[in-house]
């Protein structure tokens, strides 16, 4: 009997387990990372492994239409791990799980199959929300979950006294949109191309009153409160010192957690300084706080590339 194939990627295939995979299960469930981060399942013999398959993944296929599946290398059908979906009584949502044999860790297989499985769950199985759980010390798993788009949600205390981290889909999409608009407004404040006169004082509308800005491009930092920042920039942007100035984001990464957020912003700027054209790039880190449902900037630190 040929086991059902769930999906394939460029390098891997995912199929249902059958009892002939017992020897692989015995190896995987006794590998160092499994024992350290998932726990000892008491699978010590081929018979134990067969029972694990019958009562775990195979039973889940019958009960739920999904379960943990076998990860194989395409072409050779070499089993290297498992990945799939689990319906646990302790969780309110289906979670994604994965594990690899030691020789196949660090080669990108985990991300490749986890990302594909998450997409399959949403597109084919129409499961609206997939979460994940992991050991608090499993840094590699935490990084992988973040890479496939999940974010830390909460710590869950288990009945036996242990705790696990719960990762869920981002729930801050509306906040991200507002932060994007706020950031765009900040960058556009200083543009004076085509004779435009910038209203630098509007910085106060975007920041909290105690906001600070730090230029960390040189050995000695330049630290400004809002007033100290506004005055010299108003001057150079309106007296001809800096003309045709434009600054914009090239790329960014934003993380939101409840009422705080931060953004790494790669930017480009150009213009004429004292009549000399220039163009450069740099990085900004921007911190945000949410006050009465409105996002404000609390600080900006930047470093121009030299």
C-alpha atoms as a PDB file:
ATOM      1  CA  UNK A   1       0.000   0.000   0.000  1.00  0.00           C
ATOM      2  CA  UNK A   2       1.357   3.399  -1.025  1.00  0.00           C
ATOM      3  CA  UNK A   3       1.027   6.076   1.626  1.00  0.00           C
ATOM      4  CA  UNK A   4      -0.821   9.247   0.689  1.00  0.00           C
ATOM      5  CA  UNK A   5       1.377  12.152  -0.373  1.00  0.00           C
ATOM      6  CA  UNK A   6       0.300  15.423   1.239  1.00  0.00           C
ATOM      7  CA  UNK A   7       2.525  17.913  -0.581  1.00  0.00           C
ATOM      8  CA  UNK A   8       5.899  18.372  -2.209  1.00  0.00           C
ATOM      9  CA  UNK A   9       8.412  21.223  -2.226  1.00  0.00           C
ATOM     10  CA  UNK A  10      11.556  21.786  -4.272  1.00  0.00           C
ATOM     11  CA  UNK A  11      13.554  19.343  -2.140  1.00  0.00           C
ATOM     12  CA  UNK A  12      11.080  17.497   0.053  1.00  0.00           C
ATOM     13  CA  UNK A  13       7.899  15.478   0.083  1.00  0.00           C
ATOM     14  CA  UNK A  14       5.405  15.063   2.892  1.00  0.00           C
ATOM     15  CA  UNK A  15       3.384  11.865   3.186  1.00  0.00           C
ATOM     16  CA  UNK A  16       1.278   9.979   5.684  1.00  0.00           C
ATOM     17  CA  UNK A  17       3.024   7.615   8.075  1.00  0.00           C
ATOM     18  CA  UNK A  18       2.347   3.893   8.008  1.00  0.00           C
ATOM     19  CA  UNK A  19       3.467   1.157  10.396  1.00  0.00           C
ATOM     20  CA  UNK A  20       6.471   0.399   8.176  1.00  0.00           C
ATOM     21  CA  UNK A  21       7.968   3.683   9.394  1.00  0.00           C
ATOM     22  CA  UNK A  22       8.367   2.354  12.937  1.00  0.00           C
ATOM     23  CA  UNK A  23      12.162   2.100  12.763  1.00  0.00           C
ATOM     24  CA  UNK A  24      12.408   5.738  11.699  1.00  0.00           C
ATOM     25  CA  UNK A  25      10.092   6.800  14.530  1.00  0.00           C
ATOM     26  CA  UNK A  26      12.244   4.894  17.001  1.00  0.00           C
ATOM     27  CA  UNK A  27      15.287   6.830  15.793  1.00  0.00           C
ATOM     28  CA  UNK A  28      13.625  10.259  15.670  1.00  0.00           C
ATOM     29  CA  UNK A  29      11.905  10.051  19.058  1.00  0.00           C
ATOM     30  CA  UNK A  30      15.188   9.134  20.717  1.00  0.00           C
ATOM     31  CA  UNK A  31      17.296  11.796  19.010  1.00  0.00           C
ATOM     32  CA  UNK A  32      18.910  14.384  21.342  1.00  0.00           C
ATOM     33  CA  UNK A  33      16.799  17.396  20.360  1.00  0.00           C
ATOM     34  CA  UNK A  34      13.551  15.439  20.583  1.00  0.00           C
ATOM     35  CA  UNK A  35      14.367  14.218  24.082  1.00  0.00           C
ATOM     36  CA  UNK A  36      15.543  17.662  25.183  1.00  0.00           C
ATOM     37  CA  UNK A  37      12.806  19.865  23.772  1.00  0.00           C
ATOM     38  CA  UNK A  38       9.790  17.577  23.249  1.00  0.00           C
ATOM     39  CA  UNK A  39      10.338  14.902  25.848  1.00  0.00           C
ATOM     40  CA  UNK A  40      10.718  11.181  26.311  1.00  0.00           C
ATOM     41  CA  UNK A  41       7.657   9.431  24.860  1.00  0.00           C
ATOM     42  CA  UNK A  42       8.740   6.054  26.193  1.00  0.00           C
ATOM     43  CA  UNK A  43       9.310   4.696  22.690  1.00  0.00           C
ATOM     44  CA  UNK A  44      12.173   2.224  23.199  1.00  0.00           C
ATOM     45  CA  UNK A  45      11.341  -0.657  20.869  1.00  0.00           C
ATOM     46  CA  UNK A  46       9.921  -1.218  17.398  1.00  0.00           C
ATOM     47  CA  UNK A  47       6.703  -2.347  19.063  1.00  0.00           C
ATOM     48  CA  UNK A  48       6.555   0.935  21.000  1.00  0.00           C
ATOM     49  CA  UNK A  49       7.125   2.869  17.779  1.00  0.00           C
ATOM     50  CA  UNK A  50       4.397   0.919  15.982  1.00  0.00           C
ATOM     51  CA  UNK A  51       1.930   1.674  18.767  1.00  0.00           C
ATOM     52  CA  UNK A  52       2.960   5.338  18.697  1.00  0.00           C
ATOM     53  CA  UNK A  53       2.134   5.484  14.998  1.00  0.00           C
ATOM     54  CA  UNK A  54      -1.183   3.636  15.347  1.00  0.00           C
ATOM     55  CA  UNK A  55      -2.403   5.673  18.314  1.00  0.00           C
ATOM     56  CA  UNK A  56      -0.904   8.998  17.217  1.00  0.00           C
ATOM     57  CA  UNK A  57      -0.491  10.105  13.588  1.00  0.00           C
ATOM     58  CA  UNK A  58      -2.500   7.303  11.945  1.00  0.00           C
ATOM     59  CA  UNK A  59      -5.407   7.681  14.370  1.00  0.00           C
ATOM     60  CA  UNK A  60      -5.333  11.441  13.817  1.00  0.00           C
ATOM     61  CA  UNK A  61      -5.715  10.948  10.061  1.00  0.00           C
ATOM     62  CA  UNK A  62      -8.944   9.056  10.778  1.00  0.00           C
ATOM     63  CA  UNK A  63     -10.258  11.431  13.437  1.00  0.00           C
ATOM     64  CA  UNK A  64      -9.214  14.794  12.031  1.00  0.00           C
ATOM     65  CA  UNK A  65      -8.218  14.373   8.412  1.00  0.00           C
ATOM     66  CA  UNK A  66      -4.705  15.508   9.257  1.00  0.00           C
ATOM     67  CA  UNK A  67      -1.867  14.716  11.638  1.00  0.00           C
ATOM     68  CA  UNK A  68       1.894  14.500  11.792  1.00  0.00           C
ATOM     69  CA  UNK A  69       3.384  13.462   8.461  1.00  0.00           C
ATOM     70  CA  UNK A  70       6.706  12.009   7.343  1.00  0.00           C
ATOM     71  CA  UNK A  71       9.234  14.333   5.704  1.00  0.00           C
ATOM     72  CA  UNK A  72      11.322  12.696   2.964  1.00  0.00           C
ATOM     73  CA  UNK A  73      14.007  13.853   0.572  1.00  0.00           C
ATOM     74  CA  UNK A  74      12.644  13.915  -2.957  1.00  0.00           C
ATOM     75  CA  UNK A  75      14.288  11.480  -5.309  1.00  0.00           C
ATOM     76  CA  UNK A  76      15.711   9.142  -2.680  1.00  0.00           C
ATOM     77  CA  UNK A  77      12.677   8.993  -0.348  1.00  0.00           C
ATOM     78  CA  UNK A  78      15.075   9.189   2.587  1.00  0.00           C
ATOM     79  CA  UNK A  79      13.087   9.922   5.779  1.00  0.00           C
ATOM     80  CA  UNK A  80      14.532  12.934   7.602  1.00  0.00           C
ATOM     81  CA  UNK A  81      11.831  14.196   9.946  1.00  0.00           C
ATOM     82  CA  UNK A  82       8.189  14.851  10.610  1.00  0.00           C
ATOM     83  CA  UNK A  83       5.950  17.854  10.199  1.00  0.00           C
ATOM     84  CA  UNK A  84       2.225  18.271  10.476  1.00  0.00           C
ATOM     85  CA  UNK A  85      -0.825  19.412  12.369  1.00  0.00           C
ATOM     86  CA  UNK A  86      -1.942  18.374  15.833  1.00  0.00           C
ATOM     87  CA  UNK A  87      -5.312  18.752  17.536  1.00  0.00           C
ATOM     88  CA  UNK A  88      -4.478  18.964  21.254  1.00  0.00           C
ATOM     89  CA  UNK A  89      -6.991  19.090  24.091  1.00  0.00           C
ATOM     90  CA  UNK A  90      -4.940  21.723  25.936  1.00  0.00           C
ATOM     91  CA  UNK A  91      -5.084  24.181  23.010  1.00  0.00           C
ATOM     92  CA  UNK A  92      -7.957  26.090  21.458  1.00  0.00           C
ATOM     93  CA  UNK A  93      -6.482  25.879  17.963  1.00  0.00           C
ATOM     94  CA  UNK A  94      -4.720  23.380  15.717  1.00  0.00           C
ATOM     95  CA  UNK A  95      -0.948  23.661  16.030  1.00  0.00           C
ATOM     96  CA  UNK A  96       1.898  22.922  13.657  1.00  0.00           C
ATOM     97  CA  UNK A  97       4.715  20.660  14.804  1.00  0.00           C
ATOM     98  CA  UNK A  98       8.001  19.594  13.269  1.00  0.00           C
ATOM     99  CA  UNK A  99      11.193  17.701  14.093  1.00  0.00           C
ATOM    100  CA  UNK A 100      14.261  16.662  12.111  1.00  0.00           C
ATOM    101  CA  UNK A 101      16.992  14.080  12.537  1.00  0.00           C
ATOM    102  CA  UNK A 102      20.266  15.690  13.676  1.00  0.00           C
ATOM    103  CA  UNK A 103      22.032  15.243  10.322  1.00  0.00           C
ATOM    104  CA  UNK A 104      19.364  17.318   8.565  1.00  0.00           C
ATOM    105  CA  UNK A 105      19.192  20.255  10.966  1.00  0.00           C
ATOM    106  CA  UNK A 106      20.537  23.603   9.775  1.00  0.00           C
ATOM    107  CA  UNK A 107      20.023  22.930   6.065  1.00  0.00           C
ATOM    108  CA  UNK A 108      16.781  24.865   5.649  1.00  0.00           C
ATOM    109  CA  UNK A 109      14.591  21.766   5.509  1.00  0.00           C
ATOM    110  CA  UNK A 110      12.639  22.721   8.617  1.00  0.00           C
ATOM    111  CA  UNK A 111      11.602  26.090   7.229  1.00  0.00           C
ATOM    112  CA  UNK A 112      10.881  24.666   3.782  1.00  0.00           C
ATOM    113  CA  UNK A 113       8.470  22.011   5.004  1.00  0.00           C
ATOM    114  CA  UNK A 114       6.923  24.031   7.853  1.00  0.00           C
ATOM    115  CA  UNK A 115       6.142  26.942   5.544  1.00  0.00           C
ATOM    116  CA  UNK A 116       4.586  24.600   2.969  1.00  0.00           C
ATOM    117  CA  UNK A 117       2.568  22.796   5.650  1.00  0.00           C
ATOM    118  CA  UNK A 118       1.228  26.066   7.025  1.00  0.00           C
ATOM    119  CA  UNK A 119       0.149  27.090   3.531  1.00  0.00           C
ATOM    120  CA  UNK A 120      -1.454  23.671   2.951  1.00  0.00           C
ATOM    121  CA  UNK A 121      -3.423  23.937   6.192  1.00  0.00           C
ATOM    122  CA  UNK A 122      -4.847  27.299   5.197  1.00  0.00           C
ATOM    123  CA  UNK A 123      -5.401  26.740   1.478  1.00  0.00           C
ATOM    124  CA  UNK A 124      -6.340  23.061   1.260  1.00  0.00           C
ATOM    125  CA  UNK A 125      -7.750  22.211   4.672  1.00  0.00           C
ATOM    126  CA  UNK A 126      -9.305  25.669   5.164  1.00  0.00           C
ATOM    127  CA  UNK A 127      -8.136  25.867   8.767  1.00  0.00           C
ATOM    128  CA  UNK A 128      -8.460  29.583   9.593  1.00  0.00           C
ATOM    129  CA  UNK A 129      -5.889  29.774  12.363  1.00  0.00           C
ATOM    130  CA  UNK A 130      -2.784  27.699  12.998  1.00  0.00           C
ATOM    131  CA  UNK A 131      -0.670  28.219  16.109  1.00  0.00           C
ATOM    132  CA  UNK A 132       2.490  26.571  17.425  1.00  0.00           C
ATOM    133  CA  UNK A 133       4.020  25.645  20.756  1.00  0.00           C
ATOM    134  CA  UNK A 134       7.651  25.188  21.674  1.00  0.00           C
ATOM    135  CA  UNK A 135       9.948  24.730  24.626  1.00  0.00           C
ATOM    136  CA  UNK A 136      11.086  27.990  26.207  1.00  0.00           C
ATOM    137  CA  UNK A 137      14.727  27.074  25.526  1.00  0.00           C
ATOM    138  CA  UNK A 138      14.331  25.903  21.935  1.00  0.00           C
ATOM    139  CA  UNK A 139      15.889  28.908  20.209  1.00  0.00           C
ATOM    140  CA  UNK A 140      16.058  27.240  16.781  1.00  0.00           C
ATOM    141  CA  UNK A 141      12.344  26.440  16.876  1.00  0.00           C
ATOM    142  CA  UNK A 142      11.489  29.969  18.015  1.00  0.00           C
ATOM    143  CA  UNK A 143      13.449  31.422  15.092  1.00  0.00           C
ATOM    144  CA  UNK A 144      11.779  29.072  12.622  1.00  0.00           C
ATOM    145  CA  UNK A 145       8.286  29.890  13.888  1.00  0.00           C
ATOM    146  CA  UNK A 146       9.028  33.582  13.529  1.00  0.00           C
ATOM    147  CA  UNK A 147      10.374  32.997  10.023  1.00  0.00           C
ATOM    148  CA  UNK A 148       7.153  31.290   8.880  1.00  0.00           C
ATOM    149  CA  UNK A 149       5.147  34.268  10.104  1.00  0.00           C
ATOM    150  CA  UNK A 150       4.033  33.346  13.615  1.00  0.00           C
ATOM    151  CA  UNK A 151       4.640  35.623  16.585  1.00  0.00           C
ATOM    152  CA  UNK A 152       5.031  35.027  20.310  1.00  0.00           C
ATOM    153  CA  UNK A 153       1.609  35.220  21.932  1.00  0.00           C
ATOM    154  CA  UNK A 154       1.854  33.953  25.500  1.00  0.00           C
ATOM    155  CA  UNK A 155       3.426  31.514  27.927  1.00  0.00           C
ATOM    156  CA  UNK A 156       1.244  28.519  28.772  1.00  0.00           C
ATOM    157  CA  UNK A 157       1.716  26.743  32.085  1.00  0.00           C
ATOM    158  CA  UNK A 158       1.139  23.004  31.823  1.00  0.00           C
ATOM    159  CA  UNK A 159      -0.531  20.868  34.523  1.00  0.00           C
ATOM    160  CA  UNK A 160       2.726  19.015  35.252  1.00  0.00           C
ATOM    161  CA  UNK A 161       4.433  22.291  36.113  1.00  0.00           C
ATOM    162  CA  UNK A 162       6.341  22.941  32.897  1.00  0.00           C
ATOM    163  CA  UNK A 163       5.693  25.929  30.660  1.00  0.00           C
ATOM    164  CA  UNK A 164       5.692  26.347  26.880  1.00  0.00           C
ATOM    165  CA  UNK A 165       5.650  29.287  24.525  1.00  0.00           C
ATOM    166  CA  UNK A 166       2.614  29.769  22.290  1.00  0.00           C
ATOM    167  CA  UNK A 167       3.067  31.375  18.875  1.00  0.00           C
ATOM    168  CA  UNK A 168       0.108  32.689  16.871  1.00  0.00           C
ATOM    169  CA  UNK A 169      -0.530  34.570  13.615  1.00  0.00           C
ATOM    170  CA  UNK A 170       0.040  38.326  13.907  1.00  0.00           C
ATOM    171  CA  UNK A 171      -3.009  40.067  15.307  1.00  0.00           C
ATOM    172  CA  UNK A 172      -1.743  43.574  14.751  1.00  0.00           C
ATOM    173  CA  UNK A 173      -2.321  44.079  11.018  1.00  0.00           C
ATOM    174  CA  UNK A 174      -4.358  47.237  11.586  1.00  0.00           C
ATOM    175  CA  UNK A 175      -1.642  48.550  13.888  1.00  0.00           C
ATOM    176  CA  UNK A 176       0.997  47.815  11.266  1.00  0.00           C
ATOM    177  CA  UNK A 177      -0.943  49.837   8.714  1.00  0.00           C
ATOM    178  CA  UNK A 178      -1.127  52.791  11.091  1.00  0.00           C
ATOM    179  CA  UNK A 179       2.573  52.555  11.885  1.00  0.00           C
ATOM    180  CA  UNK A 180       3.374  52.465   8.161  1.00  0.00           C
ATOM    181  CA  UNK A 181       1.407  55.684   7.641  1.00  0.00           C
ATOM    182  CA  UNK A 182       3.014  57.336  10.657  1.00  0.00           C
ATOM    183  CA  UNK A 183       6.484  56.447   9.407  1.00  0.00           C
ATOM    184  CA  UNK A 184       5.736  57.710   5.899  1.00  0.00           C
ATOM    185  CA  UNK A 185       4.516  60.992   7.383  1.00  0.00           C
ATOM    186  CA  UNK A 186       7.738  61.334   9.365  1.00  0.00           C
ATOM    187  CA  UNK A 187       9.963  60.831   6.322  1.00  0.00           C
ATOM    188  CA  UNK A 188       7.933  63.201   4.141  1.00  0.00           C
ATOM    189  CA  UNK A 189       8.102  66.081   6.656  1.00  0.00           C
ATOM    190  CA  UNK A 190      11.565  67.125   5.539  1.00  0.00           C
ATOM    191  CA  UNK A 191      11.143  67.074   1.761  1.00  0.00           C
ATOM    192  CA  UNK A 192      11.725  70.387  -0.013  1.00  0.00           C
ATOM    193  CA  UNK A 193      11.920  69.201  -3.624  1.00  0.00           C
ATOM    194  CA  UNK A 194      10.428  71.446  -6.315  1.00  0.00           C
ATOM    195  CA  UNK A 195      10.466  74.428  -4.002  1.00  0.00           C
ATOM    196  CA  UNK A 196       8.246  72.755  -1.410  1.00  0.00           C
ATOM    197  CA  UNK A 197       8.383  74.416   2.019  1.00  0.00           C
ATOM    198  CA  UNK A 198       8.449  71.709   4.725  1.00  0.00           C
ATOM    199  CA  UNK A 199       6.503  72.142   7.938  1.00  0.00           C
ATOM    200  CA  UNK A 200       9.039  70.608  10.300  1.00  0.00           C
ATOM    201  CA  UNK A 201       7.008  71.654  13.352  1.00  0.00           C
ATOM    202  CA  UNK A 202       4.569  68.846  12.498  1.00  0.00           C
ATOM    203  CA  UNK A 203       7.111  66.543  14.087  1.00  0.00           C
ATOM    204  CA  UNK A 204       5.310  67.388  17.323  1.00  0.00           C
ATOM    205  CA  UNK A 205       2.108  65.846  15.964  1.00  0.00           C
ATOM    206  CA  UNK A 206       3.872  62.557  15.289  1.00  0.00           C
ATOM    207  CA  UNK A 207       5.848  62.225  18.540  1.00  0.00           C
ATOM    208  CA  UNK A 208       4.996  62.036  22.196  1.00  0.00           C
ATOM    209  CA  UNK A 209       5.946  65.327  23.920  1.00  0.00           C
ATOM    210  CA  UNK A 210       8.984  63.692  25.529  1.00  0.00           C
ATOM    211  CA  UNK A 211      10.236  62.242  22.249  1.00  0.00           C
ATOM    212  CA  UNK A 212      13.944  62.143  21.493  1.00  0.00           C
ATOM    213  CA  UNK A 213      15.998  61.853  18.317  1.00  0.00           C
ATOM    214  CA  UNK A 214      19.592  60.634  18.223  1.00  0.00           C
ATOM    215  CA  UNK A 215      22.107  60.880  15.397  1.00  0.00           C
ATOM    216  CA  UNK A 216      24.509  58.006  15.996  1.00  0.00           C
ATOM    217  CA  UNK A 217      26.419  58.383  12.725  1.00  0.00           C
ATOM    218  CA  UNK A 218      29.580  59.747  14.334  1.00  0.00           C
ATOM    219  CA  UNK A 219      31.741  58.882  17.328  1.00  0.00           C
ATOM    220  CA  UNK A 220      29.925  61.448  19.481  1.00  0.00           C
ATOM    221  CA  UNK A 221      26.149  61.146  19.516  1.00  0.00           C
ATOM    222  CA  UNK A 222      23.871  64.100  18.791  1.00  0.00           C
ATOM    223  CA  UNK A 223      20.859  63.869  21.108  1.00  0.00           C
ATOM    224  CA  UNK A 224      17.841  66.130  20.569  1.00  0.00           C
ATOM    225  CA  UNK A 225      14.526  66.802  22.191  1.00  0.00           C
ATOM    226  CA  UNK A 226      11.812  67.905  19.769  1.00  0.00           C
ATOM    227  CA  UNK A 227      12.522  71.642  19.957  1.00  0.00           C
ATOM    228  CA  UNK A 228      16.276  71.192  19.585  1.00  0.00           C
ATOM    229  CA  UNK A 229      15.672  68.974  16.572  1.00  0.00           C
ATOM    230  CA  UNK A 230      13.161  71.241  14.825  1.00  0.00           C
ATOM    231  CA  UNK A 231      14.961  74.603  14.944  1.00  0.00           C
ATOM    232  CA  UNK A 232      18.155  73.815  12.970  1.00  0.00           C
ATOM    233  CA  UNK A 233      16.296  71.681  10.424  1.00  0.00           C
ATOM    234  CA  UNK A 234      13.777  74.409   9.739  1.00  0.00           C
ATOM    235  CA  UNK A 235      16.681  76.727   9.086  1.00  0.00           C
ATOM    236  CA  UNK A 236      18.701  74.599   6.661  1.00  0.00           C
ATOM    237  CA  UNK A 237      15.594  73.424   4.788  1.00  0.00           C
ATOM    238  CA  UNK A 238      14.354  76.965   4.151  1.00  0.00           C
ATOM    239  CA  UNK A 239      17.477  79.144   3.798  1.00  0.00           C
ATOM    240  CA  UNK A 240      18.984  77.412   0.767  1.00  0.00           C
ATOM    241  CA  UNK A 241      21.577  75.384   2.637  1.00  0.00           C
ATOM    242  CA  UNK A 242      19.790  72.104   1.857  1.00  0.00           C
ATOM    243  CA  UNK A 243      17.637  72.003  -1.276  1.00  0.00           C
ATOM    244  CA  UNK A 244      15.875  69.326  -3.318  1.00  0.00           C
ATOM    245  CA  UNK A 245      16.049  67.138  -0.235  1.00  0.00           C
ATOM    246  CA  UNK A 246      14.140  63.882  -0.251  1.00  0.00           C
ATOM    247  CA  UNK A 247      14.282  60.928   2.129  1.00  0.00           C
ATOM    248  CA  UNK A 248      12.361  57.665   1.903  1.00  0.00           C
ATOM    249  CA  UNK A 249      12.338  54.064   3.099  1.00  0.00           C
ATOM    250  CA  UNK A 250      13.878  51.347   0.967  1.00  0.00           C
ATOM    251  CA  UNK A 251      12.864  48.485   3.241  1.00  0.00           C
ATOM    252  CA  UNK A 252      11.743  47.952   6.797  1.00  0.00           C
ATOM    253  CA  UNK A 253      11.003  45.396   9.489  1.00  0.00           C
ATOM    254  CA  UNK A 254       8.369  46.166  12.109  1.00  0.00           C
ATOM    255  CA  UNK A 255       7.465  44.237  15.260  1.00  0.00           C
ATOM    256  CA  UNK A 256       4.377  45.026  17.335  1.00  0.00           C
ATOM    257  CA  UNK A 257       3.574  43.761  20.801  1.00  0.00           C
ATOM    258  CA  UNK A 258       0.372  45.091  22.317  1.00  0.00           C
ATOM    259  CA  UNK A 259       0.971  48.835  22.863  1.00  0.00           C
ATOM    260  CA  UNK A 260       4.645  49.057  21.880  1.00  0.00           C
ATOM    261  CA  UNK A 261       6.431  48.598  18.569  1.00  0.00           C
ATOM    262  CA  UNK A 262       9.783  49.079  16.925  1.00  0.00           C
ATOM    263  CA  UNK A 263      10.903  49.392  13.331  1.00  0.00           C
ATOM    264  CA  UNK A 264      14.223  49.010  11.558  1.00  0.00           C
ATOM    265  CA  UNK A 265      14.124  51.255   8.509  1.00  0.00           C
ATOM    266  CA  UNK A 266      16.684  51.221   5.713  1.00  0.00           C
ATOM    267  CA  UNK A 267      16.434  54.619   4.043  1.00  0.00           C
ATOM    268  CA  UNK A 268      17.867  56.617   1.191  1.00  0.00           C
ATOM    269  CA  UNK A 269      18.218  60.385   1.010  1.00  0.00           C
ATOM    270  CA  UNK A 270      19.404  62.831  -1.624  1.00  0.00           C
ATOM    271  CA  UNK A 271      19.602  66.545  -2.296  1.00  0.00           C
ATOM    272  CA  UNK A 272      22.050  69.426  -2.589  1.00  0.00           C
ATOM    273  CA  UNK A 273      24.007  70.595   0.449  1.00  0.00           C
ATOM    274  CA  UNK A 274      25.557  74.027  -0.112  1.00  0.00           C
ATOM    275  CA  UNK A 275      25.105  73.469  -3.824  1.00  0.00           C
ATOM    276  CA  UNK A 276      26.809  70.061  -3.892  1.00  0.00           C
ATOM    277  CA  UNK A 277      24.635  67.066  -4.880  1.00  0.00           C
ATOM    278  CA  UNK A 278      24.692  64.072  -2.549  1.00  0.00           C
ATOM    279  CA  UNK A 279      23.020  60.721  -2.115  1.00  0.00           C
ATOM    280  CA  UNK A 280      23.403  58.301   0.774  1.00  0.00           C
ATOM    281  CA  UNK A 281      21.720  55.519   2.697  1.00  0.00           C
ATOM    282  CA  UNK A 282      21.387  54.671   6.351  1.00  0.00           C
ATOM    283  CA  UNK A 283      19.450  52.848   9.021  1.00  0.00           C
ATOM    284  CA  UNK A 284      16.886  54.169  11.465  1.00  0.00           C
ATOM    285  CA  UNK A 285      15.454  52.412  14.477  1.00  0.00           C
ATOM    286  CA  UNK A 286      12.094  53.885  15.414  1.00  0.00           C
ATOM    287  CA  UNK A 287      10.186  53.177  18.627  1.00  0.00           C
ATOM    288  CA  UNK A 288       6.427  53.614  18.893  1.00  0.00           C
ATOM    289  CA  UNK A 289       3.899  53.668  21.726  1.00  0.00           C
ATOM    290  CA  UNK A 290       0.131  53.339  21.509  1.00  0.00           C
ATOM    291  CA  UNK A 291      -1.770  55.908  23.558  1.00  0.00           C
ATOM    292  CA  UNK A 292      -5.586  55.965  23.565  1.00  0.00           C
ATOM    293  CA  UNK A 293      -5.679  53.895  20.356  1.00  0.00           C
ATOM    294  CA  UNK A 294      -3.273  56.267  18.573  1.00  0.00           C
ATOM    295  CA  UNK A 295       0.305  55.398  17.667  1.00  0.00           C
ATOM    296  CA  UNK A 296       3.015  57.957  18.368  1.00  0.00           C
ATOM    297  CA  UNK A 297       6.780  57.926  17.886  1.00  0.00           C
ATOM    298  CA  UNK A 298       8.730  57.912  21.141  1.00  0.00           C
ATOM    299  CA  UNK A 299      12.255  57.908  19.717  1.00  0.00           C
ATOM    300  CA  UNK A 300      14.261  57.759  16.516  1.00  0.00           C
ATOM    301  CA  UNK A 301      17.920  56.778  16.287  1.00  0.00           C
ATOM    302  CA  UNK A 302      19.738  56.857  12.974  1.00  0.00           C
ATOM    303  CA  UNK A 303      23.102  56.104  11.474  1.00  0.00           C
ATOM    304  CA  UNK A 304      24.065  57.410   8.034  1.00  0.00           C
ATOM    305  CA  UNK A 305      26.323  55.219   5.940  1.00  0.00           C
ATOM    306  CA  UNK A 306      29.676  56.867   5.376  1.00  0.00           C
END
